[in-house]
Each structure stands twice: as structure tokens, then as C-alpha cells.
N, C-alpha and C. Protein backbone atom coordinates (compact mmCIF):
# COMPACT_ATOMS: atom_id res chain seq x y z
N UNK A 1 -22.72 33.22 18.43
CA UNK A 1 -22.13 31.96 17.95
C UNK A 1 -20.60 32.08 17.87
N UNK A 2 -20.12 33.22 17.28
CA UNK A 2 -18.69 33.42 17.15
C UNK A 2 -18.02 33.55 18.51
N UNK A 3 -18.74 34.19 19.47
CA UNK A 3 -18.19 34.33 20.82
C UNK A 3 -18.05 32.96 21.49
N UNK A 4 -18.99 32.07 21.24
CA UNK A 4 -18.92 30.73 21.83
C UNK A 4 -17.77 29.92 21.25
N UNK A 5 -17.46 30.16 19.97
CA UNK A 5 -16.39 29.41 19.31
C UNK A 5 -15.02 30.03 19.53
N UNK A 6 -14.98 31.27 20.02
CA UNK A 6 -13.71 31.98 20.15
C UNK A 6 -12.67 31.22 20.97
N UNK A 7 -13.04 30.63 22.14
CA UNK A 7 -12.02 29.90 22.91
C UNK A 7 -11.42 28.72 22.15
N UNK A 8 -12.25 28.04 21.36
CA UNK A 8 -11.75 26.90 20.60
C UNK A 8 -10.86 27.34 19.45
N UNK A 9 -11.20 28.48 18.83
CA UNK A 9 -10.36 29.02 17.77
C UNK A 9 -9.00 29.43 18.33
N UNK A 10 -9.01 30.00 19.54
CA UNK A 10 -7.74 30.38 20.17
C UNK A 10 -6.89 29.15 20.47
N UNK A 11 -7.52 28.08 20.94
CA UNK A 11 -6.78 26.84 21.19
C UNK A 11 -6.21 26.27 19.89
N UNK A 12 -7.00 26.36 18.81
CA UNK A 12 -6.53 25.87 17.51
C UNK A 12 -5.34 26.69 17.04
N UNK A 13 -5.42 28.01 17.17
CA UNK A 13 -4.30 28.87 16.76
C UNK A 13 -3.06 28.57 17.59
N UNK A 14 -3.24 28.31 18.89
CA UNK A 14 -2.10 27.99 19.75
C UNK A 14 -1.47 26.66 19.33
N UNK A 15 -2.30 25.69 18.99
CA UNK A 15 -1.78 24.39 18.54
C UNK A 15 -1.04 24.53 17.21
N UNK A 16 -1.56 25.36 16.33
CA UNK A 16 -0.92 25.55 15.02
C UNK A 16 0.37 26.34 15.13
N UNK A 17 0.56 27.06 16.22
CA UNK A 17 1.79 27.82 16.42
C UNK A 17 2.92 26.95 16.94
N UNK A 18 2.61 25.74 17.39
CA UNK A 18 3.63 24.84 17.90
C UNK A 18 4.50 24.30 16.76
N UNK A 19 5.69 23.84 17.11
CA UNK A 19 6.62 23.29 16.14
C UNK A 19 6.58 21.77 16.19
N UNK A 20 6.00 21.14 15.16
CA UNK A 20 5.96 19.69 15.06
C UNK A 20 5.80 19.29 13.60
N UNK A 21 5.70 18.00 13.36
CA UNK A 21 5.63 17.51 11.98
C UNK A 21 4.39 18.02 11.27
N UNK A 22 3.24 18.01 11.97
CA UNK A 22 1.98 18.43 11.36
C UNK A 22 2.04 19.89 10.95
N UNK A 23 2.51 20.74 11.87
CA UNK A 23 2.55 22.17 11.54
C UNK A 23 3.58 22.46 10.45
N UNK A 24 4.64 21.63 10.37
CA UNK A 24 5.61 21.80 9.28
C UNK A 24 4.93 21.59 7.92
N UNK A 25 4.12 20.54 7.82
CA UNK A 25 3.40 20.30 6.57
C UNK A 25 2.35 21.37 6.32
N UNK A 26 1.73 21.85 7.38
CA UNK A 26 0.75 22.93 7.23
C UNK A 26 1.42 24.21 6.75
N UNK A 27 2.62 24.47 7.22
CA UNK A 27 3.37 25.64 6.75
C UNK A 27 3.66 25.54 5.25
N UNK A 28 4.02 24.33 4.81
CA UNK A 28 4.27 24.12 3.38
C UNK A 28 2.99 24.34 2.59
N UNK A 29 1.86 23.78 3.09
CA UNK A 29 0.58 23.97 2.42
C UNK A 29 0.18 25.44 2.38
N UNK A 30 0.49 26.17 3.45
CA UNK A 30 0.16 27.59 3.49
C UNK A 30 0.96 28.37 2.45
N UNK A 31 2.24 28.00 2.29
CA UNK A 31 3.07 28.67 1.29
C UNK A 31 2.60 28.36 -0.13
N UNK A 32 2.19 27.10 -0.35
CA UNK A 32 1.77 26.70 -1.70
C UNK A 32 0.42 27.31 -2.09
N UNK A 33 -0.50 27.37 -1.15
CA UNK A 33 -1.88 27.80 -1.47
C UNK A 33 -2.15 29.26 -1.15
N UNK A 34 -1.36 29.84 -0.25
CA UNK A 34 -1.62 31.20 0.17
C UNK A 34 -2.75 31.32 1.18
N UNK A 35 -3.26 30.17 1.66
CA UNK A 35 -4.34 30.17 2.65
C UNK A 35 -3.75 30.05 4.06
N UNK A 36 -4.34 30.69 5.05
CA UNK A 36 -3.87 30.55 6.43
C UNK A 36 -4.02 29.11 6.90
N UNK A 37 -3.14 28.71 7.80
CA UNK A 37 -3.19 27.34 8.32
C UNK A 37 -4.53 27.05 8.97
N UNK A 38 -5.09 28.03 9.66
CA UNK A 38 -6.37 27.81 10.31
C UNK A 38 -7.44 27.44 9.30
N UNK A 39 -7.47 28.14 8.17
CA UNK A 39 -8.48 27.85 7.14
C UNK A 39 -8.28 26.47 6.53
N UNK A 40 -7.01 26.09 6.38
CA UNK A 40 -6.74 24.76 5.82
C UNK A 40 -7.26 23.68 6.76
N UNK A 41 -7.00 23.85 8.06
CA UNK A 41 -7.46 22.86 9.05
C UNK A 41 -8.98 22.83 9.11
N UNK A 42 -9.61 24.00 9.14
CA UNK A 42 -11.08 24.04 9.19
C UNK A 42 -11.68 23.44 7.93
N UNK A 43 -11.04 23.67 6.79
CA UNK A 43 -11.51 23.06 5.55
C UNK A 43 -11.38 21.55 5.58
N UNK A 44 -10.27 21.05 6.15
CA UNK A 44 -10.08 19.60 6.27
C UNK A 44 -11.12 19.01 7.21
N UNK A 45 -11.45 19.74 8.28
CA UNK A 45 -12.48 19.26 9.21
C UNK A 45 -13.84 19.19 8.51
N UNK A 46 -14.16 20.25 7.72
CA UNK A 46 -15.43 20.26 7.00
C UNK A 46 -15.49 19.11 5.99
N UNK A 47 -14.38 18.88 5.28
CA UNK A 47 -14.33 17.77 4.31
C UNK A 47 -14.51 16.43 5.01
N UNK A 48 -13.89 16.29 6.20
CA UNK A 48 -14.03 15.05 6.97
C UNK A 48 -15.47 14.81 7.38
N UNK A 49 -16.15 15.88 7.80
CA UNK A 49 -17.55 15.76 8.20
C UNK A 49 -18.41 15.31 7.03
N UNK A 50 -18.18 15.90 5.85
CA UNK A 50 -18.95 15.52 4.66
C UNK A 50 -18.65 14.08 4.29
N UNK A 51 -17.38 13.70 4.36
CA UNK A 51 -16.99 12.32 4.02
C UNK A 51 -17.65 11.34 4.98
N UNK A 52 -17.63 11.65 6.28
CA UNK A 52 -18.27 10.75 7.24
C UNK A 52 -19.76 10.64 7.01
N UNK A 53 -20.38 11.71 6.49
CA UNK A 53 -21.83 11.71 6.28
C UNK A 53 -22.22 10.89 5.06
N UNK A 54 -21.46 11.00 3.97
CA UNK A 54 -21.90 10.37 2.72
C UNK A 54 -20.81 9.57 2.01
N UNK A 55 -19.56 9.66 2.45
CA UNK A 55 -18.46 9.09 1.70
C UNK A 55 -18.29 7.59 1.87
N UNK A 56 -17.66 6.98 0.86
CA UNK A 56 -17.30 5.57 0.93
C UNK A 56 -16.07 5.43 1.82
N UNK A 57 -16.07 4.44 2.66
CA UNK A 57 -14.96 4.25 3.58
C UNK A 57 -15.05 5.11 4.82
N UNK A 58 -16.24 5.64 5.09
CA UNK A 58 -16.41 6.51 6.25
C UNK A 58 -16.19 5.76 7.56
N UNK A 59 -16.50 4.46 7.57
CA UNK A 59 -16.29 3.66 8.78
C UNK A 59 -14.81 3.58 9.12
N UNK A 60 -13.97 3.39 8.10
CA UNK A 60 -12.53 3.33 8.32
C UNK A 60 -12.01 4.68 8.79
N UNK A 61 -12.47 5.75 8.16
CA UNK A 61 -12.04 7.09 8.55
C UNK A 61 -12.41 7.38 10.00
N UNK A 62 -13.62 7.00 10.39
CA UNK A 62 -14.06 7.21 11.77
C UNK A 62 -13.17 6.44 12.74
N UNK A 63 -12.83 5.22 12.39
CA UNK A 63 -11.97 4.41 13.26
C UNK A 63 -10.59 5.02 13.41
N UNK A 64 -10.06 5.56 12.30
CA UNK A 64 -8.73 6.18 12.35
C UNK A 64 -8.75 7.42 13.23
N UNK A 65 -9.76 8.27 13.03
CA UNK A 65 -9.86 9.52 13.79
C UNK A 65 -10.01 9.24 15.28
N UNK A 66 -10.83 8.25 15.61
CA UNK A 66 -11.18 8.00 17.02
C UNK A 66 -10.27 6.98 17.68
N UNK A 67 -9.29 6.47 16.96
CA UNK A 67 -8.35 5.51 17.55
C UNK A 67 -6.92 6.03 17.52
N UNK A 68 -6.47 6.52 16.38
CA UNK A 68 -5.07 6.90 16.22
C UNK A 68 -4.72 8.09 17.13
N UNK A 69 -5.55 9.14 17.10
CA UNK A 69 -5.26 10.31 17.94
C UNK A 69 -5.29 9.96 19.42
N UNK A 70 -6.33 9.27 19.93
CA UNK A 70 -6.30 8.88 21.34
C UNK A 70 -5.12 7.97 21.69
N UNK A 71 -4.73 7.10 20.76
CA UNK A 71 -3.59 6.22 21.02
C UNK A 71 -2.31 7.05 21.20
N UNK A 72 -2.14 8.05 20.35
CA UNK A 72 -0.95 8.90 20.47
C UNK A 72 -0.99 9.72 21.76
N UNK A 73 -2.17 10.25 22.09
CA UNK A 73 -2.30 11.02 23.33
C UNK A 73 -2.10 10.13 24.55
N UNK A 74 -2.48 8.87 24.45
CA UNK A 74 -2.25 7.93 25.54
C UNK A 74 -0.76 7.69 25.74
N UNK A 75 -0.04 7.59 24.62
CA UNK A 75 1.42 7.47 24.69
C UNK A 75 2.03 8.69 25.39
N UNK A 76 1.55 9.87 25.02
CA UNK A 76 2.05 11.10 25.64
C UNK A 76 1.72 11.11 27.14
N UNK A 77 0.54 10.61 27.48
CA UNK A 77 0.14 10.58 28.89
C UNK A 77 1.02 9.63 29.70
N UNK A 78 1.33 8.48 29.12
CA UNK A 78 2.19 7.52 29.82
C UNK A 78 3.58 8.10 30.06
N UNK A 79 4.07 8.86 29.10
CA UNK A 79 5.42 9.40 29.20
C UNK A 79 5.49 10.67 30.05
N UNK A 80 4.35 11.28 30.37
CA UNK A 80 4.35 12.51 31.16
C UNK A 80 4.32 12.18 32.65
N UNK A 81 4.86 13.05 33.50
CA UNK A 81 4.89 12.78 34.94
C UNK A 81 3.53 12.96 35.63
N UNK A 82 2.62 13.72 35.01
CA UNK A 82 1.31 13.95 35.61
C UNK A 82 0.45 12.69 35.53
N UNK A 83 -0.51 12.58 36.45
CA UNK A 83 -1.40 11.42 36.46
C UNK A 83 -2.79 11.70 35.97
N UNK A 84 -3.15 12.99 35.86
CA UNK A 84 -4.51 13.33 35.43
C UNK A 84 -4.78 12.88 34.00
N UNK A 85 -3.80 13.07 33.11
CA UNK A 85 -4.00 12.68 31.72
C UNK A 85 -4.10 11.17 31.58
N UNK A 86 -3.40 10.42 32.44
CA UNK A 86 -3.54 8.95 32.42
C UNK A 86 -4.98 8.54 32.70
N UNK A 87 -5.56 9.15 33.75
CA UNK A 87 -6.95 8.85 34.10
C UNK A 87 -7.89 9.23 32.98
N UNK A 88 -7.63 10.38 32.35
CA UNK A 88 -8.50 10.85 31.26
C UNK A 88 -8.55 9.85 30.11
N UNK A 89 -7.37 9.38 29.69
CA UNK A 89 -7.35 8.49 28.52
C UNK A 89 -7.72 7.06 28.87
N UNK A 90 -7.46 6.62 30.09
CA UNK A 90 -7.96 5.31 30.51
C UNK A 90 -9.49 5.30 30.52
N UNK A 91 -10.07 6.40 30.98
CA UNK A 91 -11.53 6.52 30.98
C UNK A 91 -12.06 6.47 29.55
N UNK A 92 -11.37 7.16 28.64
CA UNK A 92 -11.80 7.13 27.23
C UNK A 92 -11.78 5.71 26.69
N UNK A 93 -10.70 4.98 26.97
CA UNK A 93 -10.58 3.63 26.40
C UNK A 93 -11.61 2.68 27.00
N UNK A 94 -12.00 2.88 28.25
CA UNK A 94 -13.07 2.06 28.83
C UNK A 94 -14.37 2.31 28.07
N UNK A 95 -14.68 3.58 27.83
CA UNK A 95 -15.90 3.92 27.10
C UNK A 95 -15.82 3.45 25.66
N UNK A 96 -14.67 3.63 25.04
CA UNK A 96 -14.47 3.22 23.64
C UNK A 96 -14.65 1.71 23.49
N UNK A 97 -14.05 0.94 24.38
CA UNK A 97 -14.16 -0.52 24.31
C UNK A 97 -15.60 -0.97 24.50
N UNK A 98 -16.27 -0.38 25.49
CA UNK A 98 -17.67 -0.73 25.74
C UNK A 98 -18.54 -0.40 24.54
N UNK A 99 -18.30 0.76 23.96
CA UNK A 99 -19.06 1.17 22.77
C UNK A 99 -18.87 0.20 21.62
N UNK A 100 -17.63 -0.23 21.40
CA UNK A 100 -17.36 -1.16 20.30
C UNK A 100 -18.01 -2.52 20.52
N UNK A 101 -18.06 -2.98 21.78
CA UNK A 101 -18.73 -4.24 22.06
C UNK A 101 -20.22 -4.13 21.77
N UNK A 102 -20.84 -3.05 22.25
CA UNK A 102 -22.27 -2.84 22.00
C UNK A 102 -22.54 -2.66 20.51
N UNK A 103 -21.65 -1.98 19.82
CA UNK A 103 -21.82 -1.76 18.38
C UNK A 103 -21.77 -3.08 17.62
N UNK A 104 -20.91 -3.99 18.05
CA UNK A 104 -20.80 -5.28 17.37
C UNK A 104 -22.11 -6.05 17.42
N UNK A 105 -22.76 -6.06 18.57
CA UNK A 105 -23.99 -6.82 18.71
C UNK A 105 -25.20 -6.09 18.12
N UNK A 106 -25.11 -4.77 17.99
CA UNK A 106 -26.24 -3.99 17.45
C UNK A 106 -26.00 -3.55 16.02
N UNK A 107 -25.05 -4.20 15.35
CA UNK A 107 -24.65 -3.75 14.01
C UNK A 107 -25.81 -3.78 13.01
N UNK A 108 -26.65 -4.78 13.06
CA UNK A 108 -27.75 -4.89 12.10
C UNK A 108 -28.76 -3.75 12.26
N UNK A 109 -28.88 -3.22 13.48
CA UNK A 109 -29.80 -2.11 13.72
C UNK A 109 -29.13 -0.79 13.36
N UNK A 110 -27.87 -0.63 13.79
CA UNK A 110 -27.16 0.63 13.55
C UNK A 110 -26.92 0.88 12.07
N UNK A 111 -26.86 -0.20 11.30
CA UNK A 111 -26.62 -0.07 9.86
C UNK A 111 -27.66 0.81 9.17
N UNK A 112 -28.89 0.81 9.69
CA UNK A 112 -29.98 1.53 9.05
C UNK A 112 -30.11 2.98 9.54
N UNK A 113 -29.30 3.40 10.47
CA UNK A 113 -29.36 4.78 10.96
C UNK A 113 -28.65 5.69 9.96
N UNK A 114 -29.31 6.71 9.45
CA UNK A 114 -28.66 7.62 8.48
C UNK A 114 -27.46 8.33 9.10
N UNK A 115 -26.38 8.42 8.34
CA UNK A 115 -25.16 9.11 8.77
C UNK A 115 -24.65 8.59 10.11
N UNK A 116 -24.74 7.28 10.30
CA UNK A 116 -24.36 6.69 11.59
C UNK A 116 -22.88 6.95 11.90
N UNK A 117 -22.01 6.79 10.90
CA UNK A 117 -20.58 6.96 11.16
C UNK A 117 -20.25 8.39 11.58
N UNK A 118 -20.98 9.37 11.03
CA UNK A 118 -20.78 10.75 11.47
C UNK A 118 -21.22 10.91 12.92
N UNK A 119 -22.37 10.35 13.26
CA UNK A 119 -22.85 10.43 14.64
C UNK A 119 -21.91 9.72 15.60
N UNK A 120 -21.41 8.57 15.17
CA UNK A 120 -20.46 7.82 16.01
C UNK A 120 -19.19 8.63 16.24
N UNK A 121 -18.68 9.23 15.18
CA UNK A 121 -17.46 10.00 15.29
C UNK A 121 -17.67 11.23 16.19
N UNK A 122 -18.81 11.89 16.05
CA UNK A 122 -19.11 13.04 16.90
C UNK A 122 -19.21 12.63 18.37
N UNK A 123 -19.81 11.47 18.62
CA UNK A 123 -19.92 10.98 19.99
C UNK A 123 -18.54 10.71 20.58
N UNK A 124 -17.66 10.04 19.83
CA UNK A 124 -16.34 9.71 20.33
C UNK A 124 -15.46 10.96 20.45
N UNK A 125 -15.66 11.92 19.56
CA UNK A 125 -14.95 13.19 19.70
C UNK A 125 -15.38 13.91 20.98
N UNK A 126 -16.65 13.83 21.28
CA UNK A 126 -17.15 14.40 22.53
C UNK A 126 -16.53 13.68 23.73
N UNK A 127 -16.33 12.37 23.58
CA UNK A 127 -15.72 11.59 24.66
C UNK A 127 -14.26 11.96 24.88
N UNK A 128 -13.55 12.34 23.82
CA UNK A 128 -12.12 12.65 23.96
C UNK A 128 -11.84 14.14 24.07
N UNK A 129 -12.88 14.97 24.01
CA UNK A 129 -12.68 16.42 23.99
C UNK A 129 -11.92 16.87 25.24
N UNK A 130 -10.89 17.72 25.10
CA UNK A 130 -10.03 18.09 26.24
C UNK A 130 -10.67 19.10 27.19
N UNK A 131 -11.74 18.69 27.85
CA UNK A 131 -12.39 19.49 28.88
C UNK A 131 -12.60 18.60 30.10
N UNK A 132 -12.75 19.17 31.30
CA UNK A 132 -12.85 18.35 32.52
C UNK A 132 -13.98 17.33 32.48
N UNK A 133 -15.18 17.74 32.08
CA UNK A 133 -16.32 16.81 32.04
C UNK A 133 -16.69 16.50 30.59
N UNK A 134 -15.81 15.79 29.93
CA UNK A 134 -16.12 15.42 28.54
C UNK A 134 -17.05 14.20 28.52
N UNK A 135 -17.34 13.73 27.32
CA UNK A 135 -18.29 12.64 27.18
C UNK A 135 -17.86 11.37 27.89
N UNK A 136 -16.57 11.04 27.79
CA UNK A 136 -16.09 9.81 28.43
C UNK A 136 -16.27 9.87 29.94
N UNK A 137 -15.98 11.01 30.53
CA UNK A 137 -16.13 11.17 31.98
C UNK A 137 -17.59 11.02 32.41
N UNK A 138 -18.48 11.65 31.65
CA UNK A 138 -19.91 11.59 31.99
C UNK A 138 -20.45 10.17 31.85
N UNK A 139 -20.14 9.52 30.72
CA UNK A 139 -20.63 8.16 30.49
C UNK A 139 -20.07 7.20 31.53
N UNK A 140 -18.80 7.37 31.86
CA UNK A 140 -18.18 6.48 32.85
C UNK A 140 -18.80 6.66 34.23
N UNK A 141 -18.91 7.91 34.67
CA UNK A 141 -19.41 8.16 36.02
C UNK A 141 -20.91 7.88 36.16
N UNK A 142 -21.67 8.15 35.12
CA UNK A 142 -23.13 8.01 35.21
C UNK A 142 -23.62 6.59 34.89
N UNK A 143 -22.89 5.87 34.04
CA UNK A 143 -23.39 4.57 33.56
C UNK A 143 -22.43 3.43 33.90
N UNK A 144 -21.21 3.51 33.39
CA UNK A 144 -20.31 2.37 33.49
C UNK A 144 -19.81 2.12 34.90
N UNK A 145 -19.40 3.17 35.60
CA UNK A 145 -18.85 2.98 36.93
C UNK A 145 -19.87 2.35 37.89
N UNK A 146 -21.11 2.86 37.97
CA UNK A 146 -22.09 2.19 38.86
C UNK A 146 -22.33 0.73 38.49
N UNK A 147 -22.41 0.45 37.19
CA UNK A 147 -22.64 -0.93 36.75
C UNK A 147 -21.46 -1.82 37.12
N UNK A 148 -20.23 -1.35 36.88
CA UNK A 148 -19.06 -2.17 37.16
C UNK A 148 -18.87 -2.38 38.66
N UNK A 149 -19.10 -1.35 39.46
CA UNK A 149 -18.97 -1.51 40.91
C UNK A 149 -20.01 -2.49 41.45
N UNK A 150 -21.21 -2.45 40.90
CA UNK A 150 -22.27 -3.35 41.35
C UNK A 150 -21.96 -4.80 41.00
N UNK A 151 -21.33 -5.02 39.84
CA UNK A 151 -21.10 -6.38 39.37
C UNK A 151 -19.62 -6.78 39.40
N UNK A 152 -18.82 -6.03 40.14
CA UNK A 152 -17.38 -6.28 40.14
C UNK A 152 -17.03 -7.68 40.61
N UNK A 153 -17.66 -8.14 41.70
CA UNK A 153 -17.36 -9.48 42.23
C UNK A 153 -17.74 -10.58 41.24
N UNK A 154 -18.90 -10.42 40.60
CA UNK A 154 -19.33 -11.42 39.61
C UNK A 154 -18.38 -11.46 38.42
N UNK A 155 -17.97 -10.28 37.95
CA UNK A 155 -17.05 -10.22 36.81
C UNK A 155 -15.71 -10.84 37.16
N UNK A 156 -15.20 -10.54 38.37
CA UNK A 156 -13.92 -11.12 38.80
C UNK A 156 -14.01 -12.64 38.90
N UNK A 157 -15.14 -13.13 39.40
CA UNK A 157 -15.32 -14.58 39.52
C UNK A 157 -15.32 -15.24 38.14
N UNK A 158 -16.02 -14.62 37.18
CA UNK A 158 -16.05 -15.16 35.82
C UNK A 158 -14.66 -15.15 35.19
N UNK A 159 -13.94 -14.04 35.38
CA UNK A 159 -12.59 -13.95 34.81
C UNK A 159 -11.66 -14.98 35.42
N UNK A 160 -11.76 -15.17 36.73
CA UNK A 160 -10.92 -16.18 37.40
C UNK A 160 -11.24 -17.58 36.88
N UNK A 161 -12.52 -17.84 36.64
CA UNK A 161 -12.93 -19.15 36.14
C UNK A 161 -12.38 -19.39 34.74
N UNK A 162 -12.51 -18.37 33.88
CA UNK A 162 -12.00 -18.49 32.51
C UNK A 162 -10.48 -18.62 32.51
N UNK A 163 -9.81 -17.80 33.35
CA UNK A 163 -8.35 -17.87 33.43
C UNK A 163 -7.89 -19.24 33.92
N UNK A 164 -8.62 -19.79 34.88
CA UNK A 164 -8.27 -21.13 35.37
C UNK A 164 -8.39 -22.19 34.29
N UNK A 165 -9.45 -22.09 33.47
CA UNK A 165 -9.62 -23.06 32.39
C UNK A 165 -8.52 -22.92 31.34
N UNK A 166 -8.19 -21.69 31.00
CA UNK A 166 -7.13 -21.46 30.01
C UNK A 166 -5.80 -22.00 30.52
N UNK A 167 -5.49 -21.72 31.78
CA UNK A 167 -4.24 -22.24 32.36
C UNK A 167 -4.22 -23.76 32.37
N UNK A 168 -5.38 -24.38 32.63
CA UNK A 168 -5.46 -25.84 32.63
C UNK A 168 -5.19 -26.39 31.23
N UNK A 169 -5.79 -25.76 30.20
CA UNK A 169 -5.56 -26.20 28.83
C UNK A 169 -4.08 -26.06 28.46
N UNK A 170 -3.46 -24.94 28.87
CA UNK A 170 -2.05 -24.73 28.57
C UNK A 170 -1.19 -25.77 29.26
N UNK A 171 -1.48 -26.05 30.52
CA UNK A 171 -0.71 -27.08 31.24
C UNK A 171 -0.88 -28.45 30.61
N UNK A 172 -2.11 -28.78 30.20
CA UNK A 172 -2.34 -30.07 29.54
C UNK A 172 -1.57 -30.16 28.23
N UNK A 173 -1.57 -29.06 27.48
CA UNK A 173 -0.85 -29.05 26.20
C UNK A 173 0.64 -29.22 26.42
N UNK A 174 1.18 -28.54 27.42
CA UNK A 174 2.61 -28.69 27.73
C UNK A 174 2.94 -30.12 28.13
N UNK A 175 2.06 -30.73 28.93
CA UNK A 175 2.28 -32.09 29.39
C UNK A 175 2.27 -33.07 28.20
N UNK A 176 1.32 -32.86 27.28
CA UNK A 176 1.26 -33.74 26.11
C UNK A 176 2.48 -33.58 25.22
N UNK A 177 2.94 -32.33 25.07
CA UNK A 177 4.15 -32.11 24.27
C UNK A 177 5.35 -32.78 24.92
N UNK A 178 5.46 -32.64 26.25
CA UNK A 178 6.59 -33.26 26.97
C UNK A 178 6.53 -34.78 26.85
N UNK A 179 5.34 -35.36 26.99
CA UNK A 179 5.20 -36.82 26.88
C UNK A 179 5.55 -37.30 25.47
N UNK A 180 5.13 -36.51 24.47
CA UNK A 180 5.42 -36.92 23.09
C UNK A 180 6.92 -36.83 22.80
N UNK A 181 7.56 -35.78 23.31
CA UNK A 181 9.00 -35.63 23.05
C UNK A 181 9.81 -36.74 23.71
N UNK A 182 9.30 -37.29 24.81
CA UNK A 182 10.00 -38.37 25.50
C UNK A 182 9.68 -39.74 24.91
N UNK A 183 8.62 -39.81 24.10
CA UNK A 183 8.26 -41.09 23.51
C UNK A 183 9.20 -41.43 22.36
N UNK A 184 9.13 -42.70 21.91
CA UNK A 184 10.00 -43.14 20.83
C UNK A 184 9.69 -42.39 19.53
N UNK A 185 8.41 -42.12 19.28
CA UNK A 185 8.03 -41.39 18.07
C UNK A 185 8.57 -39.97 18.11
N UNK A 186 8.50 -39.34 19.27
CA UNK A 186 9.01 -37.99 19.38
C UNK A 186 10.51 -37.94 19.21
N UNK A 187 11.22 -38.92 19.78
CA UNK A 187 12.67 -38.95 19.63
C UNK A 187 13.07 -39.21 18.19
N UNK A 188 12.30 -40.09 17.49
CA UNK A 188 12.58 -40.34 16.07
C UNK A 188 12.36 -39.07 15.25
N UNK A 189 11.28 -38.34 15.58
CA UNK A 189 11.00 -37.11 14.85
C UNK A 189 12.08 -36.07 15.09
N UNK A 190 12.54 -35.97 16.35
CA UNK A 190 13.60 -35.02 16.67
C UNK A 190 14.89 -35.39 15.95
N UNK A 191 15.21 -36.70 15.94
CA UNK A 191 16.42 -37.14 15.26
C UNK A 191 16.33 -36.87 13.76
N UNK A 192 15.15 -37.15 13.17
CA UNK A 192 14.96 -36.88 11.75
C UNK A 192 15.09 -35.41 11.42
N UNK A 193 14.57 -34.57 12.28
CA UNK A 193 14.68 -33.13 12.07
C UNK A 193 16.13 -32.68 12.14
N UNK A 194 16.88 -33.26 13.08
CA UNK A 194 18.29 -32.91 13.22
C UNK A 194 19.08 -33.33 11.98
N UNK A 195 18.79 -34.53 11.47
CA UNK A 195 19.49 -35.01 10.28
C UNK A 195 19.14 -34.14 9.07
N UNK A 196 17.87 -33.78 8.95
CA UNK A 196 17.44 -32.94 7.83
C UNK A 196 18.11 -31.57 7.90
N UNK A 197 18.22 -31.01 9.10
CA UNK A 197 18.86 -29.70 9.25
C UNK A 197 20.34 -29.78 8.90
N UNK A 198 21.01 -30.85 9.35
CA UNK A 198 22.44 -31.00 9.04
C UNK A 198 22.65 -31.19 7.54
N UNK A 199 21.74 -31.95 6.91
CA UNK A 199 21.85 -32.18 5.47
C UNK A 199 21.65 -30.88 4.69
N UNK A 200 20.67 -30.10 5.11
CA UNK A 200 20.43 -28.83 4.43
C UNK A 200 21.61 -27.89 4.60
N UNK A 201 22.19 -27.88 5.81
CA UNK A 201 23.36 -27.04 6.06
C UNK A 201 24.55 -27.47 5.22
N UNK A 202 24.73 -28.79 5.07
CA UNK A 202 25.83 -29.31 4.27
C UNK A 202 25.65 -28.96 2.80
N UNK A 203 24.42 -29.09 2.30
CA UNK A 203 24.14 -28.75 0.90
C UNK A 203 24.39 -27.27 0.64
N UNK A 204 24.03 -26.43 1.61
CA UNK A 204 24.26 -24.99 1.45
C UNK A 204 25.76 -24.70 1.41
N UNK A 205 26.52 -25.36 2.30
CA UNK A 205 27.97 -25.15 2.30
C UNK A 205 28.58 -25.61 0.98
N UNK A 206 28.12 -26.76 0.45
CA UNK A 206 28.64 -27.26 -0.82
C UNK A 206 28.34 -26.28 -1.95
N UNK A 207 27.15 -25.74 -1.96
CA UNK A 207 26.77 -24.78 -3.00
C UNK A 207 27.63 -23.53 -2.92
N UNK A 208 27.90 -23.06 -1.72
CA UNK A 208 28.74 -21.88 -1.56
C UNK A 208 30.18 -22.16 -1.99
N UNK A 209 30.66 -23.35 -1.67
CA UNK A 209 32.02 -23.71 -2.08
C UNK A 209 32.13 -23.80 -3.59
N UNK A 210 31.11 -24.34 -4.25
CA UNK A 210 31.11 -24.42 -5.72
C UNK A 210 31.15 -23.03 -6.33
N UNK A 211 30.40 -22.10 -5.76
CA UNK A 211 30.39 -20.74 -6.28
C UNK A 211 31.77 -20.09 -6.12
N UNK A 212 32.41 -20.35 -4.96
CA UNK A 212 33.75 -19.80 -4.74
C UNK A 212 34.75 -20.37 -5.74
N UNK A 213 34.63 -21.69 -6.04
CA UNK A 213 35.53 -22.31 -7.00
C UNK A 213 35.34 -21.72 -8.39
N UNK A 214 34.08 -21.45 -8.75
CA UNK A 214 33.80 -20.85 -10.07
C UNK A 214 34.40 -19.46 -10.17
N UNK A 215 34.29 -18.70 -9.08
CA UNK A 215 34.84 -17.34 -9.09
C UNK A 215 36.37 -17.38 -9.24
N UNK A 216 37.01 -18.36 -8.57
CA UNK A 216 38.44 -18.48 -8.67
C UNK A 216 38.87 -18.83 -10.10
N UNK A 217 38.12 -19.74 -10.76
CA UNK A 217 38.44 -20.14 -12.12
C UNK A 217 38.33 -18.96 -13.08
N UNK A 218 37.32 -18.09 -12.81
CA UNK A 218 37.13 -16.93 -13.69
C UNK A 218 38.29 -15.94 -13.51
């Protein structure tokens, strides 16, 4: 068991040896407690697992763990010159989005699964794990990619139809706004708004002038 975990422990030690904000705080915690940084991190992981299993707010914690870290890594991927990490995190977000859609519709069933948030978090951690064939890659290649390729034309047609309707509604709204602004009622409203704005500006100037006069008298 220890031999199987050794590569991951080495990666953890290498990450903890880096200089960044997290390791700076871990160094402070190590000085205060006298515990090695590795033990502090492993203890935090164990506490997180227990919290996800039985704690209040475990759903929020799971969302933070499985969203914030991938979002930051996606930022790093966008800023890096390599393209492999872009593909890795785009694949993760495709799987993550699909999972959230399915979860929304199956919420009444998933609610009754014991320790569901822990299982969900473990699944998404498997999807983001930094190995060539992680969970996101497997789910995408085995399930999502074949489905999307098979239905790509239908999906594109639906999206084009919806986009066309939205653009039509936007154009109609713009046309109605333009017609109203050119009408007598619209011009009266615009004139009234202009007068109200000028009046408010004048009142503000008068108030400021009164304050200046009071200061001079003092």
C-alpha cells in the first residue's frame, strides 16, 4: 500500500517545496505547530473527507473543491504556451457541465444516496487527477464524445434555431425602443428626463455653493 502511494507522496512533497502563497502559510503553520507541512496537508485532506461525509455544508465544500481549483488551473493553462493542458481542462469542464446538468434533474434521487457529496467529490477529483487517462478523459472518450459526434448536426440545428429566435426578439425590442423614442410620448419623456437632470444638477450646485459660503463666514 505504501509503495503504491509513494509516487503521490513524492509529488506532494515537490509541490510543498515550491514557493507560493499556500506554502508560505503552510510554513507559518509548521512553525506554530511543529508538525511537518505534509502532515498538515494530509490532516486537512482527512478532515475534508470527514466533512464531506457527514458535515453540514458539504455540498458547498464539494463545489468549492471541484470548481475553484480547476478554474485556477484553467487560467494557468490559458496563460501557458503548451496546448495539452488546455485540452485537459476543457475536457474536464465538458464532463463537469454534463454532470451538473444530470445532477439537477436527478436531484430527488441523489438526495437519498448516503454520503453523496463525498462520492461526487471523489468522482470529480478522479476527473481532474493529473494523469494521462484520468476520469474526465475516460468519460469523454467513452461516453460523451461518441454521443456528441452522433448528434452534432441535430444539436447545431437546435442551437441555430434558438439563436435565430433570440436575435429576432432582440431586433424586435430594438425596433420598438427606436419607434417609441421617435414618438411624441418618447420625446416628451426624454425632454422631461433632461429637465429633471438639469434641475438636480442645479440643486446640487446650489447646495455646494451654500456650503462654501458657510465655510467662508466661519
